[in-house]
Structure formats: structure tokens, C-alpha cells
Amino acid sequence: MFSGGTYHEVARWLWNFVTSHAKRVDPRVEIVLESNDQRAGKSYGVRLRLGRHLGPVIELAFREVADNRGSLVWCTRLAERTTSLTRELLAGQGVADARPG
């Protein structure tokens, strides 16, 4: 694994990473990555979406993601956070998570 990268490279990595962990819980969950003009080069907002329902924003600084995407510990924490938020989103919709916990 590696660290660093441009804002857009890191955004692509972040979207793929969060998507892979959310879809392990439920393949219907989609990822909304906020990287608009106000965030450009500084931060990302990540939200999980199930149909019309959006979960809370996960705020991540660009430098934090770029510097830590090569860290197993940091990636494990982000994966756990994504999984937890995905399960919360499903529970809020009355949808059961069929995967063993």
C-alpha cells in the first residue's frame, strides 16, 4: 500500500475503499463523495446512501487520507467506521443485515 497522491487520486482511492466496505454489508448501499469547490484540495465528505436516505457525513481531511491510506491501522479504523455506519443506515430503514456480525 502507498501514501500520498494528488487530491483526485486520493478521492478515487477513498471512494473505492469506502464502497468496498459498505457493499460487504449490503450491495445496495451507494457512496456519495463530496469534493466540491469549497473542499477541493482540503477535505472530503463521505456519505452512505440507501435509496433516498443519506447517512451522516464522514469528514476527512485530504492530508489525513493521503498520509494514512498506506497505514493498516488507519485503514482498519475507517473500514470499521464504514461498516458500522452502513449497519446503522440499514437499521434506520428497517432493513435487516443478513450477514453474520
N, C-alpha and C. Protein backbone atom coordinates (compact mmCIF):
# COMPACT_ATOMS: atom_id res chain seq x y z
N MET A 1 0.84 -1.17 0.00
CA MET A 1 0.00 0.00 0.00
C MET A 1 0.89 1.24 0.00
N PHE A 2 0.35 2.33 -0.39
CA PHE A 2 1.14 3.55 -0.52
C PHE A 2 0.41 4.74 0.08
N SER A 3 1.16 5.79 0.35
CA SER A 3 0.59 7.03 0.86
C SER A 3 0.84 8.13 -0.15
N GLY A 4 0.23 9.27 0.09
CA GLY A 4 0.43 10.42 -0.78
C GLY A 4 -0.54 10.41 -1.95
N GLY A 5 -0.24 11.23 -2.94
CA GLY A 5 -1.06 11.32 -4.15
C GLY A 5 -1.73 12.67 -4.27
N THR A 6 -2.26 12.92 -5.46
CA THR A 6 -2.98 14.17 -5.70
C THR A 6 -4.37 14.09 -5.07
N TYR A 7 -5.01 15.22 -4.99
CA TYR A 7 -6.35 15.28 -4.41
C TYR A 7 -7.30 14.32 -5.13
N HIS A 8 -7.25 14.30 -6.45
CA HIS A 8 -8.16 13.45 -7.23
C HIS A 8 -7.79 11.97 -7.13
N GLU A 9 -6.52 11.64 -7.07
CA GLU A 9 -6.10 10.25 -6.88
C GLU A 9 -6.56 9.73 -5.52
N VAL A 10 -6.39 10.54 -4.51
CA VAL A 10 -6.79 10.16 -3.15
C VAL A 10 -8.32 10.04 -3.07
N ALA A 11 -9.04 10.93 -3.74
CA ALA A 11 -10.50 10.86 -3.77
C ALA A 11 -10.96 9.55 -4.40
N ARG A 12 -10.34 9.16 -5.49
CA ARG A 12 -10.70 7.91 -6.17
C ARG A 12 -10.42 6.72 -5.25
N TRP A 13 -9.26 6.73 -4.58
CA TRP A 13 -8.92 5.66 -3.64
C TRP A 13 -9.95 5.59 -2.51
N LEU A 14 -10.29 6.75 -1.94
CA LEU A 14 -11.24 6.82 -0.83
C LEU A 14 -12.60 6.29 -1.24
N TRP A 15 -13.09 6.69 -2.40
CA TRP A 15 -14.38 6.22 -2.88
C TRP A 15 -14.37 4.70 -3.04
N ASN A 16 -13.33 4.15 -3.66
CA ASN A 16 -13.22 2.70 -3.83
C ASN A 16 -13.15 1.98 -2.50
N PHE A 17 -12.38 2.50 -1.56
CA PHE A 17 -12.20 1.86 -0.26
C PHE A 17 -13.52 1.81 0.51
N VAL A 18 -14.18 2.96 0.62
CA VAL A 18 -15.43 3.02 1.37
C VAL A 18 -16.51 2.19 0.67
N THR A 19 -16.56 2.25 -0.65
CA THR A 19 -17.53 1.45 -1.40
C THR A 19 -17.35 -0.03 -1.12
N SER A 20 -16.13 -0.51 -1.16
CA SER A 20 -15.89 -1.94 -0.97
C SER A 20 -16.33 -2.41 0.42
N HIS A 21 -16.13 -1.59 1.44
CA HIS A 21 -16.50 -1.99 2.79
C HIS A 21 -18.01 -1.83 3.04
N ALA A 22 -18.63 -0.82 2.47
CA ALA A 22 -20.08 -0.65 2.63
C ALA A 22 -20.84 -1.77 1.91
N LYS A 23 -20.40 -2.12 0.72
CA LYS A 23 -21.09 -3.14 -0.06
C LYS A 23 -20.89 -4.54 0.50
N ARG A 24 -19.91 -4.73 1.36
CA ARG A 24 -19.78 -6.02 2.05
C ARG A 24 -20.93 -6.24 3.01
N VAL A 25 -21.49 -5.15 3.51
CA VAL A 25 -22.64 -5.23 4.42
C VAL A 25 -23.92 -5.35 3.60
N ASP A 26 -24.07 -4.52 2.58
CA ASP A 26 -25.26 -4.58 1.73
C ASP A 26 -24.91 -3.99 0.36
N PRO A 27 -25.04 -4.79 -0.70
CA PRO A 27 -24.64 -4.32 -2.03
C PRO A 27 -25.49 -3.17 -2.58
N ARG A 28 -26.61 -2.86 -1.94
CA ARG A 28 -27.46 -1.76 -2.40
C ARG A 28 -26.96 -0.40 -1.95
N VAL A 29 -26.08 -0.36 -0.99
CA VAL A 29 -25.59 0.91 -0.45
C VAL A 29 -24.65 1.57 -1.46
N GLU A 30 -24.86 2.86 -1.67
CA GLU A 30 -24.03 3.65 -2.58
C GLU A 30 -23.25 4.67 -1.77
N ILE A 31 -22.19 5.19 -2.35
CA ILE A 31 -21.33 6.17 -1.69
C ILE A 31 -21.46 7.51 -2.40
N VAL A 32 -21.63 8.55 -1.62
CA VAL A 32 -21.64 9.91 -2.14
C VAL A 32 -20.37 10.58 -1.60
N LEU A 33 -19.49 10.95 -2.49
CA LEU A 33 -18.23 11.60 -2.10
C LEU A 33 -18.33 13.08 -2.44
N GLU A 34 -18.31 13.91 -1.40
CA GLU A 34 -18.36 15.36 -1.59
C GLU A 34 -16.95 15.89 -1.70
N SER A 35 -16.67 16.47 -2.86
CA SER A 35 -15.35 17.08 -3.08
C SER A 35 -15.54 18.32 -3.95
N ASN A 36 -16.53 19.13 -3.57
CA ASN A 36 -16.88 20.32 -4.33
C ASN A 36 -15.80 21.39 -4.23
N ASP A 37 -16.08 22.56 -4.82
CA ASP A 37 -15.10 23.64 -4.85
C ASP A 37 -14.64 24.08 -3.47
N GLN A 38 -15.54 24.09 -2.48
CA GLN A 38 -15.16 24.51 -1.14
C GLN A 38 -14.21 23.51 -0.49
N ARG A 39 -14.30 22.27 -0.88
CA ARG A 39 -13.47 21.21 -0.29
C ARG A 39 -12.18 20.97 -1.08
N ALA A 40 -12.16 21.34 -2.33
CA ALA A 40 -11.08 20.99 -3.25
C ALA A 40 -9.71 21.22 -2.64
N GLY A 41 -8.94 20.16 -2.59
CA GLY A 41 -7.58 20.22 -2.07
C GLY A 41 -7.48 20.21 -0.56
N LYS A 42 -8.62 20.24 0.15
CA LYS A 42 -8.60 20.35 1.60
C LYS A 42 -9.25 19.18 2.32
N SER A 43 -10.44 18.75 1.84
CA SER A 43 -11.18 17.74 2.59
C SER A 43 -12.14 16.98 1.70
N TYR A 44 -12.73 15.94 2.30
CA TYR A 44 -13.76 15.14 1.65
C TYR A 44 -14.90 14.95 2.64
N GLY A 45 -16.09 14.84 2.11
CA GLY A 45 -17.24 14.43 2.89
C GLY A 45 -17.75 13.14 2.27
N VAL A 46 -17.88 12.12 3.07
CA VAL A 46 -18.35 10.83 2.57
C VAL A 46 -19.68 10.52 3.22
N ARG A 47 -20.66 10.15 2.40
CA ARG A 47 -21.97 9.77 2.91
C ARG A 47 -22.37 8.45 2.29
N LEU A 48 -23.09 7.67 3.07
CA LEU A 48 -23.65 6.42 2.58
C LEU A 48 -25.10 6.68 2.20
N ARG A 49 -25.54 6.07 1.09
CA ARG A 49 -26.91 6.29 0.63
C ARG A 49 -27.58 4.94 0.37
N LEU A 50 -28.79 4.82 0.85
CA LEU A 50 -29.63 3.65 0.56
C LEU A 50 -30.93 4.20 0.03
N GLY A 51 -31.14 4.07 -1.26
CA GLY A 51 -32.32 4.68 -1.89
C GLY A 51 -32.25 6.18 -1.76
N ARG A 52 -33.29 6.77 -1.17
CA ARG A 52 -33.32 8.23 -0.99
C ARG A 52 -32.76 8.66 0.35
N HIS A 53 -32.33 7.71 1.17
CA HIS A 53 -31.88 8.01 2.53
C HIS A 53 -30.36 8.14 2.58
N LEU A 54 -29.91 9.24 3.19
CA LEU A 54 -28.48 9.50 3.34
C LEU A 54 -28.07 9.38 4.80
N GLY A 55 -26.91 8.79 5.02
CA GLY A 55 -26.35 8.74 6.36
C GLY A 55 -25.61 10.03 6.67
N PRO A 56 -25.07 10.15 7.87
CA PRO A 56 -24.33 11.36 8.25
C PRO A 56 -23.02 11.48 7.46
N VAL A 57 -22.51 12.68 7.41
CA VAL A 57 -21.26 12.94 6.69
C VAL A 57 -20.07 12.48 7.52
N ILE A 58 -19.18 11.75 6.89
CA ILE A 58 -17.88 11.43 7.49
C ILE A 58 -16.92 12.48 6.94
N GLU A 59 -16.41 13.33 7.82
CA GLU A 59 -15.49 14.39 7.42
C GLU A 59 -14.06 13.88 7.48
N LEU A 60 -13.34 14.01 6.38
CA LEU A 60 -11.95 13.56 6.32
C LEU A 60 -11.10 14.63 5.64
N ALA A 61 -10.00 14.99 6.27
CA ALA A 61 -9.07 15.95 5.68
C ALA A 61 -8.27 15.26 4.58
N PHE A 62 -8.05 15.95 3.49
CA PHE A 62 -7.26 15.40 2.38
C PHE A 62 -5.92 14.89 2.87
N ARG A 63 -5.21 15.69 3.63
CA ARG A 63 -3.86 15.31 4.08
C ARG A 63 -3.91 14.06 4.96
N GLU A 64 -4.94 13.95 5.81
CA GLU A 64 -5.08 12.76 6.67
C GLU A 64 -5.23 11.50 5.82
N VAL A 65 -6.09 11.56 4.82
CA VAL A 65 -6.30 10.39 3.97
C VAL A 65 -5.05 10.09 3.16
N ALA A 66 -4.47 11.12 2.56
CA ALA A 66 -3.28 10.92 1.73
C ALA A 66 -2.12 10.33 2.54
N ASP A 67 -1.93 10.82 3.75
CA ASP A 67 -0.81 10.36 4.57
C ASP A 67 -1.03 8.99 5.18
N ASN A 68 -2.30 8.58 5.34
CA ASN A 68 -2.59 7.35 6.08
C ASN A 68 -3.18 6.22 5.26
N ARG A 69 -3.42 6.42 3.99
CA ARG A 69 -4.03 5.34 3.22
C ARG A 69 -3.10 4.14 3.06
N GLY A 70 -1.85 4.29 3.41
CA GLY A 70 -0.92 3.17 3.43
C GLY A 70 -0.78 2.53 4.80
N SER A 71 -1.55 3.01 5.78
CA SER A 71 -1.46 2.51 7.16
C SER A 71 -2.55 1.47 7.42
N LEU A 72 -2.14 0.27 7.76
CA LEU A 72 -3.10 -0.79 8.06
C LEU A 72 -4.01 -0.42 9.23
N VAL A 73 -3.45 0.19 10.26
CA VAL A 73 -4.24 0.59 11.43
C VAL A 73 -5.29 1.62 11.05
N TRP A 74 -4.89 2.66 10.33
CA TRP A 74 -5.82 3.72 9.92
C TRP A 74 -6.90 3.16 9.01
N CYS A 75 -6.52 2.33 8.04
CA CYS A 75 -7.49 1.74 7.11
C CYS A 75 -8.47 0.83 7.84
N THR A 76 -7.97 0.09 8.82
CA THR A 76 -8.85 -0.78 9.60
C THR A 76 -9.90 0.04 10.34
N ARG A 77 -9.48 1.17 10.92
CA ARG A 77 -10.44 2.04 11.62
C ARG A 77 -11.49 2.60 10.67
N LEU A 78 -11.06 3.02 9.48
CA LEU A 78 -12.01 3.56 8.51
C LEU A 78 -12.95 2.46 8.02
N ALA A 79 -12.45 1.27 7.82
CA ALA A 79 -13.29 0.14 7.41
C ALA A 79 -14.33 -0.17 8.48
N GLU A 80 -13.91 -0.19 9.74
CA GLU A 80 -14.84 -0.46 10.84
C GLU A 80 -15.90 0.64 10.96
N ARG A 81 -15.48 1.87 10.79
CA ARG A 81 -16.42 3.00 10.85
C ARG A 81 -17.43 2.91 9.71
N THR A 82 -16.97 2.56 8.52
CA THR A 82 -17.85 2.42 7.36
C THR A 82 -18.85 1.30 7.59
N THR A 83 -18.38 0.17 8.06
CA THR A 83 -19.26 -0.97 8.32
C THR A 83 -20.32 -0.61 9.36
N SER A 84 -19.90 0.04 10.42
CA SER A 84 -20.82 0.44 11.49
C SER A 84 -21.88 1.41 10.97
N LEU A 85 -21.46 2.42 10.22
CA LEU A 85 -22.41 3.39 9.68
C LEU A 85 -23.35 2.76 8.67
N THR A 86 -22.86 1.79 7.91
CA THR A 86 -23.72 1.09 6.96
C THR A 86 -24.80 0.31 7.70
N ARG A 87 -24.42 -0.38 8.74
CA ARG A 87 -25.40 -1.13 9.54
C ARG A 87 -26.42 -0.19 10.19
N GLU A 88 -25.96 0.97 10.66
CA GLU A 88 -26.88 1.95 11.24
C GLU A 88 -27.87 2.47 10.20
N LEU A 89 -27.38 2.72 9.00
CA LEU A 89 -28.25 3.19 7.92
C LEU A 89 -29.30 2.13 7.60
N LEU A 90 -28.90 0.89 7.53
CA LEU A 90 -29.83 -0.20 7.26
C LEU A 90 -30.85 -0.34 8.38
N ALA A 91 -30.40 -0.27 9.62
CA ALA A 91 -31.31 -0.40 10.76
C ALA A 91 -32.32 0.74 10.78
N GLY A 92 -31.90 1.92 10.41
CA GLY A 92 -32.80 3.07 10.37
C GLY A 92 -33.86 2.95 9.30
N GLN A 93 -33.63 2.09 8.33
CA GLN A 93 -34.59 1.87 7.25
C GLN A 93 -35.43 0.62 7.48
N GLY A 94 -35.19 -0.04 8.62
CA GLY A 94 -35.93 -1.25 8.89
C GLY A 94 -35.48 -2.42 8.04
N VAL A 95 -34.25 -2.33 7.56
CA VAL A 95 -33.70 -3.38 6.71
C VAL A 95 -32.73 -4.20 7.54
N ALA A 96 -32.90 -5.50 7.53
CA ALA A 96 -32.02 -6.38 8.30
C ALA A 96 -30.73 -6.62 7.55
N ASP A 97 -29.64 -6.64 8.29
CA ASP A 97 -28.34 -7.03 7.75
C ASP A 97 -28.25 -8.54 7.88
N ALA A 98 -28.24 -9.23 6.77
CA ALA A 98 -28.26 -10.69 6.78
C ALA A 98 -26.89 -11.29 7.01
N ARG A 99 -25.87 -10.47 7.00
CA ARG A 99 -24.52 -11.00 7.18
C ARG A 99 -24.23 -11.24 8.66
N PRO A 100 -23.47 -12.26 8.95
CA PRO A 100 -23.11 -12.51 10.37
C PRO A 100 -22.28 -11.36 10.92
N GLY A 101 -22.55 -10.99 12.15
CA GLY A 101 -21.93 -9.83 12.74
C GLY A 101 -20.69 -10.04 13.43
